[in-house]
Amino acid sequence: MNIIQWLESKHPHLAEELKLLDRATDGALFGEPNHTLSYNIAKAAQGSNLAARRLCHLLTVLSPNHCANALAAESTTNWKEATEEVG
């Protein structure tokens, strides 16, 4: 069990508040507030951003494949929202 899973299982309200703080911080730093910092870091790491690649590597300490999971989860969420709006 990684740190994030433990936090979600033991303190679900705190985990949700941290996710909201994550999105607010991302918005304040001129990121896209609809996504988490992890998602935006992962998107940057897909390109040639060396700092983002290193951050993804460090985030792996929190949870395995952290950046890849953030991309997958938020891309899926956006897809679901888009299909619900259309029809």
PDB file of N, CA and C in Angstrom:
ATOM      1  N   MET A   1       0.853  -1.167   0.000  1.00  0.00           N
ATOM      2  CA  MET A   1       0.000   0.000   0.000  1.00  0.00           C
ATOM      3  C   MET A   1       0.903   1.235   0.000  1.00  0.00           C
ATOM      4  N   ASN A   2       0.644   2.157  -0.922  1.00  0.00           N
ATOM      5  CA  ASN A   2       1.444   3.371  -0.973  1.00  0.00           C
ATOM      6  C   ASN A   2       0.828   4.454  -0.077  1.00  0.00           C
ATOM      7  N   ILE A   3       1.496   5.566   0.019  1.00  0.00           N
ATOM      8  CA  ILE A   3       1.076   6.639   0.921  1.00  0.00           C
ATOM      9  C   ILE A   3      -0.304   7.167   0.557  1.00  0.00           C
ATOM     10  N   ILE A   4      -0.553   7.345  -0.712  1.00  0.00           N
ATOM     11  CA  ILE A   4      -1.838   7.893  -1.144  1.00  0.00           C
ATOM     12  C   ILE A   4      -2.970   6.927  -0.831  1.00  0.00           C
ATOM     13  N   GLN A   5      -2.793   5.658  -1.107  1.00  0.00           N
ATOM     14  CA  GLN A   5      -3.817   4.663  -0.788  1.00  0.00           C
ATOM     15  C   GLN A   5      -4.070   4.603   0.714  1.00  0.00           C
ATOM     16  N   TRP A   6      -3.018   4.668   1.506  1.00  0.00           N
ATOM     17  CA  TRP A   6      -3.171   4.639   2.950  1.00  0.00           C
ATOM     18  C   TRP A   6      -3.973   5.841   3.429  1.00  0.00           C
ATOM     19  N   LEU A   7      -3.636   7.009   2.903  1.00  0.00           N
ATOM     20  CA  LEU A   7      -4.333   8.224   3.289  1.00  0.00           C
ATOM     21  C   LEU A   7      -5.810   8.150   2.909  1.00  0.00           C
ATOM     22  N   GLU A   8      -6.099   7.664   1.718  1.00  0.00           N
ATOM     23  CA  GLU A   8      -7.491   7.545   1.279  1.00  0.00           C
ATOM     24  C   GLU A   8      -8.274   6.553   2.127  1.00  0.00           C
ATOM     25  N   SER A   9      -7.625   5.487   2.585  1.00  0.00           N
ATOM     26  CA  SER A   9      -8.333   4.487   3.387  1.00  0.00           C
ATOM     27  C   SER A   9      -8.493   4.911   4.843  1.00  0.00           C
ATOM     28  N   LYS A  10      -7.498   5.595   5.403  1.00  0.00           N
ATOM     29  CA  LYS A  10      -7.530   5.966   6.822  1.00  0.00           C
ATOM     30  C   LYS A  10      -8.161   7.334   7.068  1.00  0.00           C
ATOM     31  N   HIS A  11      -7.964   8.255   6.145  1.00  0.00           N
ATOM     32  CA  HIS A  11      -8.437   9.633   6.323  1.00  0.00           C
ATOM     33  C   HIS A  11      -9.034  10.155   5.011  1.00  0.00           C
ATOM     34  N   PRO A  12     -10.183   9.631   4.585  1.00  0.00           N
ATOM     35  CA  PRO A  12     -10.730  10.015   3.276  1.00  0.00           C
ATOM     36  C   PRO A  12     -11.045  11.505   3.142  1.00  0.00           C
ATOM     37  N   HIS A  13     -11.487  12.138   4.231  1.00  0.00           N
ATOM     38  CA  HIS A  13     -11.791  13.569   4.152  1.00  0.00           C
ATOM     39  C   HIS A  13     -10.527  14.389   3.952  1.00  0.00           C
ATOM     40  N   LEU A  14      -9.471  14.027   4.643  1.00  0.00           N
ATOM     41  CA  LEU A  14      -8.198  14.717   4.473  1.00  0.00           C
ATOM     42  C   LEU A  14      -7.667  14.516   3.053  1.00  0.00           C
ATOM     43  N   ALA A  15      -7.808  13.319   2.532  1.00  0.00           N
ATOM     44  CA  ALA A  15      -7.359  13.041   1.159  1.00  0.00           C
ATOM     45  C   ALA A  15      -8.102  13.935   0.164  1.00  0.00           C
ATOM     46  N   GLU A  16      -9.410  14.100   0.340  1.00  0.00           N
ATOM     47  CA  GLU A  16     -10.193  14.960  -0.552  1.00  0.00           C
ATOM     48  C   GLU A  16      -9.773  16.417  -0.418  1.00  0.00           C
ATOM     49  N   GLU A  17      -9.532  16.865   0.792  1.00  0.00           N
ATOM     50  CA  GLU A  17      -9.097  18.243   1.008  1.00  0.00           C
ATOM     51  C   GLU A  17      -7.723  18.485   0.372  1.00  0.00           C
ATOM     52  N   LEU A  18      -6.841  17.512   0.444  1.00  0.00           N
ATOM     53  CA  LEU A  18      -5.533  17.652  -0.191  1.00  0.00           C
ATOM     54  C   LEU A  18      -5.647  17.702  -1.708  1.00  0.00           C
ATOM     55  N   LYS A  19      -6.588  16.946  -2.259  1.00  0.00           N
ATOM     56  CA  LYS A  19      -6.806  17.000  -3.715  1.00  0.00           C
ATOM     57  C   LYS A  19      -7.324  18.381  -4.121  1.00  0.00           C
ATOM     58  N   LEU A  20      -8.237  18.945  -3.325  1.00  0.00           N
ATOM     59  CA  LEU A  20      -8.737  20.291  -3.613  1.00  0.00           C
ATOM     60  C   LEU A  20      -7.616  21.324  -3.508  1.00  0.00           C
ATOM     61  N   LEU A  21      -6.768  21.187  -2.501  1.00  0.00           N
ATOM     62  CA  LEU A  21      -5.626  22.080  -2.350  1.00  0.00           C
ATOM     63  C   LEU A  21      -4.684  21.947  -3.547  1.00  0.00           C
ATOM     64  N   ASP A  22      -4.498  20.731  -4.012  1.00  0.00           N
ATOM     65  CA  ASP A  22      -3.662  20.465  -5.182  1.00  0.00           C
ATOM     66  C   ASP A  22      -4.200  21.234  -6.385  1.00  0.00           C
ATOM     67  N   ARG A  23      -5.486  21.143  -6.629  1.00  0.00           N
ATOM     68  CA  ARG A  23      -6.077  21.826  -7.789  1.00  0.00           C
ATOM     69  C   ARG A  23      -6.038  23.337  -7.627  1.00  0.00           C
ATOM     70  N   ALA A  24      -6.282  23.833  -6.417  1.00  0.00           N
ATOM     71  CA  ALA A  24      -6.233  25.276  -6.181  1.00  0.00           C
ATOM     72  C   ALA A  24      -4.816  25.806  -6.394  1.00  0.00           C
ATOM     73  N   THR A  25      -3.826  25.067  -5.913  1.00  0.00           N
ATOM     74  CA  THR A  25      -2.431  25.463  -6.098  1.00  0.00           C
ATOM     75  C   THR A  25      -2.086  25.482  -7.573  1.00  0.00           C
ATOM     76  N   ASP A  26      -2.550  24.493  -8.299  1.00  0.00           N
ATOM     77  CA  ASP A  26      -2.292  24.432  -9.731  1.00  0.00           C
ATOM     78  C   ASP A  26      -2.901  25.635 -10.434  1.00  0.00           C
ATOM     79  N   GLY A  27      -4.113  25.994 -10.052  1.00  0.00           N
ATOM     80  CA  GLY A  27      -4.762  27.160 -10.648  1.00  0.00           C
ATOM     81  C   GLY A  27      -4.028  28.447 -10.309  1.00  0.00           C
ATOM     82  N   ALA A  28      -3.549  28.558  -9.072  1.00  0.00           N
ATOM     83  CA  ALA A  28      -2.825  29.755  -8.652  1.00  0.00           C
ATOM     84  C   ALA A  28      -1.488  29.885  -9.376  1.00  0.00           C
ATOM     85  N   LEU A  29      -0.921  28.768  -9.784  1.00  0.00           N
ATOM     86  CA  LEU A  29       0.360  28.785 -10.490  1.00  0.00           C
ATOM     87  C   LEU A  29       0.172  28.827 -12.001  1.00  0.00           C
ATOM     88  N   PHE A  30      -1.002  29.266 -12.424  1.00  0.00           N
ATOM     89  CA  PHE A  30      -1.347  29.422 -13.833  1.00  0.00           C
ATOM     90  C   PHE A  30      -1.420  28.108 -14.587  1.00  0.00           C
ATOM     91  N   GLY A  31      -1.653  27.050 -13.869  1.00  0.00           N
ATOM     92  CA  GLY A  31      -1.888  25.762 -14.510  1.00  0.00           C
ATOM     93  C   GLY A  31      -3.361  25.656 -14.857  1.00  0.00           C
ATOM     94  N   GLU A  32      -3.776  24.498 -15.230  1.00  0.00           N
ATOM     95  CA  GLU A  32      -5.183  24.280 -15.533  1.00  0.00           C
ATOM     96  C   GLU A  32      -5.853  23.722 -14.282  1.00  0.00           C
ATOM     97  N   PRO A  33      -6.721  24.499 -13.625  1.00  0.00           N
ATOM     98  CA  PRO A  33      -7.294  24.068 -12.350  1.00  0.00           C
ATOM     99  C   PRO A  33      -8.229  22.872 -12.461  1.00  0.00           C
ATOM    100  N   ASN A  34      -8.593  22.477 -13.665  1.00  0.00           N
ATOM    101  CA  ASN A  34      -9.422  21.284 -13.836  1.00  0.00           C
ATOM    102  C   ASN A  34      -8.609  20.014 -13.657  1.00  0.00           C
ATOM    103  N   HIS A  35      -7.303  20.169 -13.585  1.00  0.00           N
ATOM    104  CA  HIS A  35      -6.410  19.026 -13.424  1.00  0.00           C
ATOM    105  C   HIS A  35      -5.546  19.205 -12.193  1.00  0.00           C
ATOM    106  N   THR A  36      -4.968  18.113 -11.730  1.00  0.00           N
ATOM    107  CA  THR A  36      -4.066  18.170 -10.586  1.00  0.00           C
ATOM    108  C   THR A  36      -2.665  18.566 -11.050  1.00  0.00           C
ATOM    109  N   LEU A  37      -1.850  18.932 -10.098  1.00  0.00           N
ATOM    110  CA  LEU A  37      -0.451  19.220 -10.417  1.00  0.00           C
ATOM    111  C   LEU A  37       0.212  18.001 -11.044  1.00  0.00           C
ATOM    112  N   SER A  38      -0.111  16.823 -10.528  1.00  0.00           N
ATOM    113  CA  SER A  38       0.481  15.586 -11.052  1.00  0.00           C
ATOM    114  C   SER A  38       0.175  15.416 -12.536  1.00  0.00           C
ATOM    115  N   TYR A  39      -1.060  15.700 -12.918  1.00  0.00           N
ATOM    116  CA  TYR A  39      -1.458  15.575 -14.324  1.00  0.00           C
ATOM    117  C   TYR A  39      -0.650  16.550 -15.188  1.00  0.00           C
ATOM    118  N   ASN A  40      -0.577  17.813 -14.750  1.00  0.00           N
ATOM    119  CA  ASN A  40       0.145  18.806 -15.547  1.00  0.00           C
ATOM    120  C   ASN A  40       1.643  18.533 -15.593  1.00  0.00           C
ATOM    121  N   ILE A  41       2.188  18.022 -14.510  1.00  0.00           N
ATOM    122  CA  ILE A  41       3.603  17.625 -14.519  1.00  0.00           C
ATOM    123  C   ILE A  41       3.804  16.468 -15.493  1.00  0.00           C
ATOM    124  N   ALA A  42       2.898  15.504 -15.467  1.00  0.00           N
ATOM    125  CA  ALA A  42       2.999  14.347 -16.371  1.00  0.00           C
ATOM    126  C   ALA A  42       2.893  14.775 -17.829  1.00  0.00           C
ATOM    127  N   LYS A  43       1.992  15.718 -18.121  1.00  0.00           N
ATOM    128  CA  LYS A  43       1.864  16.213 -19.502  1.00  0.00           C
ATOM    129  C   LYS A  43       3.164  16.887 -19.940  1.00  0.00           C
ATOM    130  N   ALA A  44       3.755  17.665 -19.052  1.00  0.00           N
ATOM    131  CA  ALA A  44       5.022  18.329 -19.375  1.00  0.00           C
ATOM    132  C   ALA A  44       6.147  17.307 -19.546  1.00  0.00           C
ATOM    133  N   ALA A  45       6.106  16.244 -18.749  1.00  0.00           N
ATOM    134  CA  ALA A  45       7.145  15.211 -18.824  1.00  0.00           C
ATOM    135  C   ALA A  45       7.059  14.431 -20.130  1.00  0.00           C
ATOM    136  N   GLN A  46       5.878  14.363 -20.715  1.00  0.00           N
ATOM    137  CA  GLN A  46       5.743  13.681 -22.002  1.00  0.00           C
ATOM    138  C   GLN A  46       6.523  14.407 -23.087  1.00  0.00           C
ATOM    139  N   GLY A  47       6.674  15.700 -22.908  1.00  0.00           N
ATOM    140  CA  GLY A  47       7.458  16.492 -23.846  1.00  0.00           C
ATOM    141  C   GLY A  47       8.924  16.428 -23.480  1.00  0.00           C
ATOM    142  N   SER A  48       9.602  17.527 -23.671  1.00  0.00           N
ATOM    143  CA  SER A  48      11.050  17.538 -23.420  1.00  0.00           C
ATOM    144  C   SER A  48      11.409  18.252 -22.115  1.00  0.00           C
ATOM    145  N   ASN A  49      10.472  18.367 -21.202  1.00  0.00           N
ATOM    146  CA  ASN A  49      10.712  19.085 -19.952  1.00  0.00           C
ATOM    147  C   ASN A  49      11.441  18.177 -18.957  1.00  0.00           C
ATOM    148  N   LEU A  50      12.730  18.410 -18.818  1.00  0.00           N
ATOM    149  CA  LEU A  50      13.569  17.578 -17.952  1.00  0.00           C
ATOM    150  C   LEU A  50      13.164  17.702 -16.482  1.00  0.00           C
ATOM    151  N   ALA A  51      12.824  18.913 -16.052  1.00  0.00           N
ATOM    152  CA  ALA A  51      12.408  19.118 -14.653  1.00  0.00           C
ATOM    153  C   ALA A  51      11.133  18.310 -14.354  1.00  0.00           C
ATOM    154  N   ALA A  52      10.204  18.297 -15.278  1.00  0.00           N
ATOM    155  CA  ALA A  52       8.964  17.539 -15.085  1.00  0.00           C
ATOM    156  C   ALA A  52       9.247  16.040 -15.032  1.00  0.00           C
ATOM    157  N   ARG A  53      10.166  15.585 -15.846  1.00  0.00           N
ATOM    158  CA  ARG A  53      10.539  14.162 -15.810  1.00  0.00           C
ATOM    159  C   ARG A  53      11.128  13.789 -14.458  1.00  0.00           C
ATOM    160  N   ARG A  54      11.950  14.668 -13.923  1.00  0.00           N
ATOM    161  CA  ARG A  54      12.544  14.404 -12.605  1.00  0.00           C
ATOM    162  C   ARG A  54      11.483  14.432 -11.511  1.00  0.00           C
ATOM    163  N   LEU A  55      10.537  15.360 -11.618  1.00  0.00           N
ATOM    164  CA  LEU A  55       9.450  15.405 -10.644  1.00  0.00           C
ATOM    165  C   LEU A  55       8.614  14.129 -10.694  1.00  0.00           C
ATOM    166  N   CYS A  56       8.351  13.634 -11.882  1.00  0.00           N
ATOM    167  CA  CYS A  56       7.609  12.366 -12.003  1.00  0.00           C
ATOM    168  C   CYS A  56       8.369  11.239 -11.328  1.00  0.00           C
ATOM    169  N   HIS A  57       9.659  11.236 -11.492  1.00  0.00           N
ATOM    170  CA  HIS A  57      10.480  10.210 -10.851  1.00  0.00           C
ATOM    171  C   HIS A  57      10.365  10.322  -9.329  1.00  0.00           C
ATOM    172  N   LEU A  58      10.399  11.540  -8.803  1.00  0.00           N
ATOM    173  CA  LEU A  58      10.264  11.740  -7.358  1.00  0.00           C
ATOM    174  C   LEU A  58       8.862  11.377  -6.860  1.00  0.00           C
ATOM    175  N   LEU A  59       7.845  11.656  -7.666  1.00  0.00           N
ATOM    176  CA  LEU A  59       6.479  11.334  -7.266  1.00  0.00           C
ATOM    177  C   LEU A  59       6.242   9.824  -7.186  1.00  0.00           C
ATOM    178  N   THR A  60       7.095   9.065  -7.844  1.00  0.00           N
ATOM    179  CA  THR A  60       6.995   7.614  -7.788  1.00  0.00           C
ATOM    180  C   THR A  60       7.207   7.120  -6.354  1.00  0.00           C
ATOM    181  N   VAL A  61       7.891   7.909  -5.541  1.00  0.00           N
ATOM    182  CA  VAL A  61       8.073   7.555  -4.138  1.00  0.00           C
ATOM    183  C   VAL A  61       6.721   7.532  -3.417  1.00  0.00           C
ATOM    184  N   LEU A  62       5.829   8.463  -3.776  1.00  0.00           N
ATOM    185  CA  LEU A  62       4.490   8.498  -3.180  1.00  0.00           C
ATOM    186  C   LEU A  62       3.636   7.322  -3.629  1.00  0.00           C
ATOM    187  N   SER A  63       3.685   7.039  -4.901  1.00  0.00           N
ATOM    188  CA  SER A  63       2.926   5.914  -5.436  1.00  0.00           C
ATOM    189  C   SER A  63       3.554   5.475  -6.757  1.00  0.00           C
ATOM    190  N   PRO A  64       3.620   4.173  -6.985  1.00  0.00           N
ATOM    191  CA  PRO A  64       4.211   3.680  -8.229  1.00  0.00           C
ATOM    192  C   PRO A  64       3.455   4.215  -9.450  1.00  0.00           C
ATOM    193  N   ASN A  65       4.196   4.602 -10.460  1.00  0.00           N
ATOM    194  CA  ASN A  65       3.623   5.118 -11.707  1.00  0.00           C
ATOM    195  C   ASN A  65       2.681   6.294 -11.469  1.00  0.00           C
ATOM    196  N   HIS A  66       3.052   7.180 -10.551  1.00  0.00           N
ATOM    197  CA  HIS A  66       2.178   8.281 -10.147  1.00  0.00           C
ATOM    198  C   HIS A  66       1.746   9.137 -11.331  1.00  0.00           C
ATOM    199  N   CYS A  67       2.680   9.555 -12.154  1.00  0.00           N
ATOM    200  CA  CYS A  67       2.347  10.428 -13.282  1.00  0.00           C
ATOM    201  C   CYS A  67       1.493   9.713 -14.323  1.00  0.00           C
ATOM    202  N   ALA A  68       1.838   8.478 -14.614  1.00  0.00           N
ATOM    203  CA  ALA A  68       1.046   7.712 -15.588  1.00  0.00           C
ATOM    204  C   ALA A  68      -0.370   7.501 -15.073  1.00  0.00           C
ATOM    205  N   ASN A  69      -0.503   7.233 -13.786  1.00  0.00           N
ATOM    206  CA  ASN A  69      -1.838   7.047 -13.208  1.00  0.00           C
ATOM    207  C   ASN A  69      -2.635   8.341 -13.225  1.00  0.00           C
ATOM    208  N   ALA A  70      -1.974   9.472 -12.972  1.00  0.00           N
ATOM    209  CA  ALA A  70      -2.661  10.760 -13.015  1.00  0.00           C
ATOM    210  C   ALA A  70      -3.165  11.048 -14.423  1.00  0.00           C
ATOM    211  N   LEU A  71      -2.335  10.768 -15.422  1.00  0.00           N
ATOM    212  CA  LEU A  71      -2.761  10.966 -16.811  1.00  0.00           C
ATOM    213  C   LEU A  71      -3.952  10.079 -17.150  1.00  0.00           C
ATOM    214  N   ALA A  72      -3.875   8.833 -16.772  1.00  0.00           N
ATOM    215  CA  ALA A  72      -4.944   7.892 -17.093  1.00  0.00           C
ATOM    216  C   ALA A  72      -6.246   8.266 -16.385  1.00  0.00           C
ATOM    217  N   ALA A  73      -6.166   8.582 -15.112  1.00  0.00           N
ATOM    218  CA  ALA A  73      -7.372   8.882 -14.338  1.00  0.00           C
ATOM    219  C   ALA A  73      -8.045  10.159 -14.825  1.00  0.00           C
ATOM    220  N   GLU A  74      -7.280  11.186 -15.050  1.00  0.00           N
ATOM    221  CA  GLU A  74      -7.881  12.457 -15.435  1.00  0.00           C
ATOM    222  C   GLU A  74      -8.285  12.485 -16.891  1.00  0.00           C
ATOM    223  N   SER A  75      -7.597  11.762 -17.740  1.00  0.00           N
ATOM    224  CA  SER A  75      -8.020  11.660 -19.133  1.00  0.00           C
ATOM    225  C   SER A  75      -9.332  10.909 -19.212  1.00  0.00           C
ATOM    226  N   THR A  76      -9.476   9.847 -18.423  1.00  0.00           N
ATOM    227  CA  THR A  76     -10.708   9.072 -18.398  1.00  0.00           C
ATOM    228  C   THR A  76     -11.857   9.920 -17.865  1.00  0.00           C
ATOM    229  N   THR A  77     -11.606  10.694 -16.809  1.00  0.00           N
ATOM    230  CA  THR A  77     -12.635  11.558 -16.231  1.00  0.00           C
ATOM    231  C   THR A  77     -13.098  12.574 -17.262  1.00  0.00           C
ATOM    232  N   ASN A  78     -12.146  13.202 -17.963  1.00  0.00           N
ATOM    233  CA  ASN A  78     -12.523  14.190 -18.970  1.00  0.00           C
ATOM    234  C   ASN A  78     -13.322  13.552 -20.092  1.00  0.00           C
ATOM    235  N   TRP A  79     -12.950  12.351 -20.481  1.00  0.00           N
ATOM    236  CA  TRP A  79     -13.673  11.668 -21.539  1.00  0.00           C
ATOM    237  C   TRP A  79     -15.100  11.375 -21.103  1.00  0.00           C
ATOM    238  N   LYS A  80     -15.267  10.911 -19.862  1.00  0.00           N
ATOM    239  CA  LYS A  80     -16.607  10.618 -19.358  1.00  0.00           C
ATOM    240  C   LYS A  80     -17.456  11.879 -19.300  1.00  0.00           C
ATOM    241  N   GLU A  81     -16.891  12.980 -18.833  1.00  0.00           N
ATOM    242  CA  GLU A  81     -17.635  14.233 -18.758  1.00  0.00           C
ATOM    243  C   GLU A  81     -18.029  14.712 -20.142  1.00  0.00           C
ATOM    244  N   ALA A  82     -17.126  14.591 -21.084  1.00  0.00           N
ATOM    245  CA  ALA A  82     -17.414  15.052 -22.449  1.00  0.00           C
ATOM    246  C   ALA A  82     -18.525  14.216 -23.073  1.00  0.00           C
ATOM    247  N   THR A  83     -18.513  12.918 -22.854  1.00  0.00           N
ATOM    248  CA  THR A  83     -19.558  12.086 -23.449  1.00  0.00           C
ATOM    249  C   THR A  83     -20.902  12.309 -22.763  1.00  0.00           C
ATOM    250  N   GLU A  84     -20.893  12.629 -21.485  1.00  0.00           N
ATOM    251  CA  GLU A  84     -22.153  12.903 -20.786  1.00  0.00           C
ATOM    252  C   GLU A  84     -22.757  14.207 -21.276  1.00  0.00           C
ATOM    253  N   GLU A  85     -21.938  15.223 -21.579  1.00  0.00           N
ATOM    254  CA  GLU A  85     -22.445  16.492 -22.065  1.00  0.00           C
ATOM    255  C   GLU A  85     -23.051  16.351 -23.457  1.00  0.00           C
ATOM    256  N   VAL A  86     -22.423  15.527 -24.289  1.00  0.00           N
ATOM    257  CA  VAL A  86     -22.894  15.361 -25.657  1.00  0.00           C
ATOM    258  C   VAL A  86     -24.199  14.573 -25.696  1.00  0.00           C
ATOM    259  N   GLY A  87     -24.288  13.563 -24.854  1.00  0.00           N
ATOM    260  CA  GLY A  87     -25.494  12.859 -25.046  1.00  0.00           C
ATOM    261  C   GLY A  87     -25.974  11.850 -24.186  1.00  0.00           C
TER     262      GLY A  87
END
